[in-house]
């Protein structure tokens, strides 16, 4: 008998990639930025969204929470 069962939900049980990409596109569009290509946005899948906005697109600390709220 097992006491705990661990599984990887995101990307294993359910493919959430399309929803993530569409949410990112919406976020950039709503913030008035050029929307990156879908291929470029794929690097968001995996790392925390805060990290991705600040490191991949240099979104400043003063705006990153606004992007995340749109996301």
N, C-alpha and C. Protein backbone atom coordinates (compact mmCIF):
# COMPACT_ATOMS: atom_id res chain seq x y z
N UNK A 1 0.84 -1.17 0.00
CA UNK A 1 0.00 0.00 0.00
C UNK A 1 0.89 1.24 0.00
N UNK A 2 0.49 2.23 -0.77
CA UNK A 2 1.24 3.48 -0.86
C UNK A 2 0.62 4.53 0.06
N UNK A 3 1.48 5.26 0.72
CA UNK A 3 1.01 6.34 1.56
C UNK A 3 0.84 7.62 0.74
N UNK A 4 1.74 7.84 -0.23
CA UNK A 4 1.69 9.03 -1.07
C UNK A 4 1.91 8.63 -2.52
N UNK A 5 1.32 9.39 -3.40
CA UNK A 5 1.55 9.22 -4.84
C UNK A 5 1.89 10.59 -5.40
N UNK A 6 3.01 10.70 -6.05
CA UNK A 6 3.44 11.94 -6.68
C UNK A 6 3.38 11.78 -8.19
N UNK A 7 2.93 12.80 -8.87
CA UNK A 7 2.93 12.75 -10.32
C UNK A 7 3.15 14.15 -10.87
N UNK A 8 3.62 14.21 -12.08
CA UNK A 8 3.86 15.48 -12.77
C UNK A 8 2.62 15.81 -13.58
N UNK A 9 1.81 16.73 -13.09
CA UNK A 9 0.55 17.06 -13.74
C UNK A 9 0.76 17.86 -15.02
N UNK A 10 1.47 18.97 -14.91
CA UNK A 10 1.62 19.91 -16.03
C UNK A 10 2.58 19.35 -17.08
N UNK A 11 2.04 19.05 -18.24
CA UNK A 11 2.85 18.53 -19.33
C UNK A 11 2.89 17.02 -19.39
N UNK A 12 2.44 16.36 -18.34
CA UNK A 12 2.40 14.90 -18.33
C UNK A 12 0.96 14.41 -18.37
N UNK A 13 0.18 14.83 -17.40
CA UNK A 13 -1.23 14.43 -17.34
C UNK A 13 -2.06 15.32 -18.29
N UNK A 14 -1.77 16.60 -18.30
CA UNK A 14 -2.49 17.57 -19.12
C UNK A 14 -1.47 18.44 -19.85
N UNK A 15 -1.69 18.64 -21.13
CA UNK A 15 -0.82 19.53 -21.90
C UNK A 15 -1.36 20.95 -21.80
N UNK A 16 -0.73 21.76 -20.97
CA UNK A 16 -1.18 23.13 -20.73
C UNK A 16 -0.43 24.15 -21.58
N UNK A 17 0.44 23.68 -22.47
CA UNK A 17 1.27 24.58 -23.26
C UNK A 17 0.51 25.61 -24.05
N UNK A 18 -0.56 25.21 -24.72
CA UNK A 18 -1.32 26.16 -25.54
C UNK A 18 -1.93 27.26 -24.68
N UNK A 19 -2.47 26.90 -23.53
CA UNK A 19 -3.05 27.90 -22.64
C UNK A 19 -2.00 28.87 -22.11
N UNK A 20 -0.83 28.35 -21.80
CA UNK A 20 0.27 29.21 -21.33
C UNK A 20 0.66 30.20 -22.42
N UNK A 21 0.84 29.71 -23.63
CA UNK A 21 1.26 30.58 -24.74
C UNK A 21 0.22 31.65 -25.05
N UNK A 22 -1.04 31.27 -25.06
CA UNK A 22 -2.10 32.25 -25.34
C UNK A 22 -2.20 33.29 -24.22
N UNK A 23 -2.00 32.87 -23.00
CA UNK A 23 -2.02 33.81 -21.88
C UNK A 23 -0.86 34.79 -21.95
N UNK A 24 0.29 34.30 -22.36
CA UNK A 24 1.45 35.17 -22.53
C UNK A 24 1.21 36.18 -23.65
N UNK A 25 0.67 35.73 -24.76
CA UNK A 25 0.36 36.63 -25.87
C UNK A 25 -0.60 37.73 -25.41
N UNK A 26 -1.62 37.34 -24.68
CA UNK A 26 -2.58 38.30 -24.15
C UNK A 26 -1.89 39.30 -23.23
N UNK A 27 -1.02 38.82 -22.37
CA UNK A 27 -0.32 39.68 -21.43
C UNK A 27 0.50 40.74 -22.16
N UNK A 28 1.29 40.33 -23.13
CA UNK A 28 2.10 41.29 -23.88
C UNK A 28 1.23 42.29 -24.62
N UNK A 29 0.17 41.79 -25.26
CA UNK A 29 -0.72 42.66 -26.02
C UNK A 29 -1.40 43.68 -25.11
N UNK A 30 -1.91 43.23 -23.97
CA UNK A 30 -2.59 44.12 -23.03
C UNK A 30 -1.66 45.15 -22.41
N UNK A 31 -0.39 44.81 -22.30
CA UNK A 31 0.58 45.74 -21.74
C UNK A 31 1.12 46.70 -22.81
N UNK A 32 0.65 46.54 -24.05
CA UNK A 32 1.05 47.45 -25.12
C UNK A 32 2.36 47.11 -25.77
N UNK A 33 2.83 45.90 -25.59
CA UNK A 33 4.10 45.48 -26.18
C UNK A 33 3.87 44.68 -27.45
N UNK A 34 4.91 44.58 -28.24
CA UNK A 34 4.89 43.68 -29.39
C UNK A 34 4.81 42.26 -28.84
N UNK A 35 3.98 41.45 -29.46
CA UNK A 35 3.81 40.07 -29.00
C UNK A 35 4.91 39.20 -29.61
N UNK A 36 5.73 38.56 -28.77
CA UNK A 36 6.77 37.67 -29.29
C UNK A 36 6.16 36.49 -30.05
N UNK A 37 6.97 35.86 -30.87
CA UNK A 37 6.50 34.69 -31.61
C UNK A 37 6.20 33.55 -30.65
N UNK A 38 5.35 32.66 -31.11
CA UNK A 38 5.00 31.49 -30.30
C UNK A 38 6.25 30.68 -29.98
N UNK A 39 7.12 30.50 -30.96
CA UNK A 39 8.35 29.75 -30.71
C UNK A 39 9.20 30.41 -29.63
N UNK A 40 9.27 31.73 -29.65
CA UNK A 40 10.07 32.43 -28.65
C UNK A 40 9.44 32.31 -27.26
N UNK A 41 8.12 32.31 -27.20
CA UNK A 41 7.44 32.23 -25.91
C UNK A 41 7.53 30.85 -25.28
N UNK A 42 7.88 29.84 -26.05
CA UNK A 42 7.96 28.48 -25.52
C UNK A 42 8.98 28.35 -24.39
N UNK A 43 9.93 29.28 -24.32
CA UNK A 43 10.92 29.22 -23.24
C UNK A 43 10.29 29.53 -21.88
N UNK A 44 9.05 30.05 -21.87
CA UNK A 44 8.33 30.29 -20.63
C UNK A 44 7.85 28.99 -20.00
N UNK A 45 7.68 27.97 -20.81
CA UNK A 45 7.12 26.72 -20.30
C UNK A 45 8.19 26.01 -19.47
N UNK A 46 7.94 25.90 -18.20
CA UNK A 46 8.89 25.25 -17.29
C UNK A 46 9.28 26.16 -16.14
N UNK A 47 10.03 27.25 -16.44
CA UNK A 47 10.47 28.12 -15.34
C UNK A 47 9.29 28.91 -14.76
N UNK A 48 9.46 29.44 -13.56
CA UNK A 48 8.42 30.32 -12.99
C UNK A 48 8.19 31.53 -13.89
N UNK A 49 6.93 31.95 -14.01
CA UNK A 49 6.58 33.04 -14.92
C UNK A 49 7.28 34.36 -14.52
N UNK A 50 7.42 34.61 -13.24
CA UNK A 50 8.10 35.82 -12.77
C UNK A 50 9.54 35.84 -13.31
N UNK A 51 10.23 34.74 -13.16
CA UNK A 51 11.60 34.62 -13.66
C UNK A 51 11.64 34.84 -15.16
N UNK A 52 10.72 34.24 -15.89
CA UNK A 52 10.73 34.33 -17.34
C UNK A 52 10.53 35.76 -17.82
N UNK A 53 9.57 36.46 -17.25
CA UNK A 53 9.35 37.85 -17.65
C UNK A 53 10.57 38.72 -17.36
N UNK A 54 11.16 38.55 -16.19
CA UNK A 54 12.28 39.42 -15.80
C UNK A 54 13.59 39.06 -16.48
N UNK A 55 13.81 37.78 -16.77
CA UNK A 55 15.08 37.37 -17.34
C UNK A 55 15.07 37.25 -18.86
N UNK A 56 13.99 36.76 -19.43
CA UNK A 56 13.94 36.59 -20.88
C UNK A 56 13.56 37.87 -21.61
N UNK A 57 12.78 38.74 -20.96
CA UNK A 57 12.29 39.96 -21.62
C UNK A 57 12.64 41.22 -20.86
N UNK A 58 13.44 41.11 -19.83
CA UNK A 58 13.92 42.27 -19.06
C UNK A 58 12.79 43.17 -18.57
N UNK A 59 11.66 42.57 -18.21
CA UNK A 59 10.57 43.34 -17.63
C UNK A 59 11.02 43.75 -16.23
N UNK A 60 10.94 45.04 -15.95
CA UNK A 60 11.42 45.56 -14.68
C UNK A 60 10.58 45.15 -13.49
N UNK A 61 11.20 45.21 -12.34
CA UNK A 61 10.54 44.86 -11.08
C UNK A 61 9.28 45.71 -10.88
N UNK A 62 9.28 46.93 -11.39
CA UNK A 62 8.14 47.82 -11.21
C UNK A 62 6.93 47.44 -12.07
N UNK A 63 7.13 46.61 -13.11
CA UNK A 63 6.03 46.25 -14.02
C UNK A 63 5.71 44.77 -14.06
N UNK A 64 6.59 43.93 -13.57
CA UNK A 64 6.42 42.50 -13.75
C UNK A 64 5.12 41.98 -13.15
N UNK A 65 4.69 42.51 -12.02
CA UNK A 65 3.44 42.04 -11.43
C UNK A 65 2.22 42.41 -12.27
N UNK A 66 2.31 43.51 -13.02
CA UNK A 66 1.23 43.88 -13.93
C UNK A 66 1.13 42.88 -15.08
N UNK A 67 2.27 42.46 -15.59
CA UNK A 67 2.29 41.44 -16.66
C UNK A 67 1.69 40.12 -16.14
N UNK A 68 2.08 39.77 -14.93
CA UNK A 68 1.59 38.51 -14.35
C UNK A 68 0.09 38.56 -14.12
N UNK A 69 -0.43 39.70 -13.69
CA UNK A 69 -1.87 39.84 -13.50
C UNK A 69 -2.61 39.66 -14.82
N UNK A 70 -2.07 40.20 -15.89
CA UNK A 70 -2.68 40.02 -17.23
C UNK A 70 -2.58 38.56 -17.67
N UNK A 71 -1.47 37.96 -17.35
CA UNK A 71 -1.24 36.55 -17.72
C UNK A 71 -2.27 35.66 -17.10
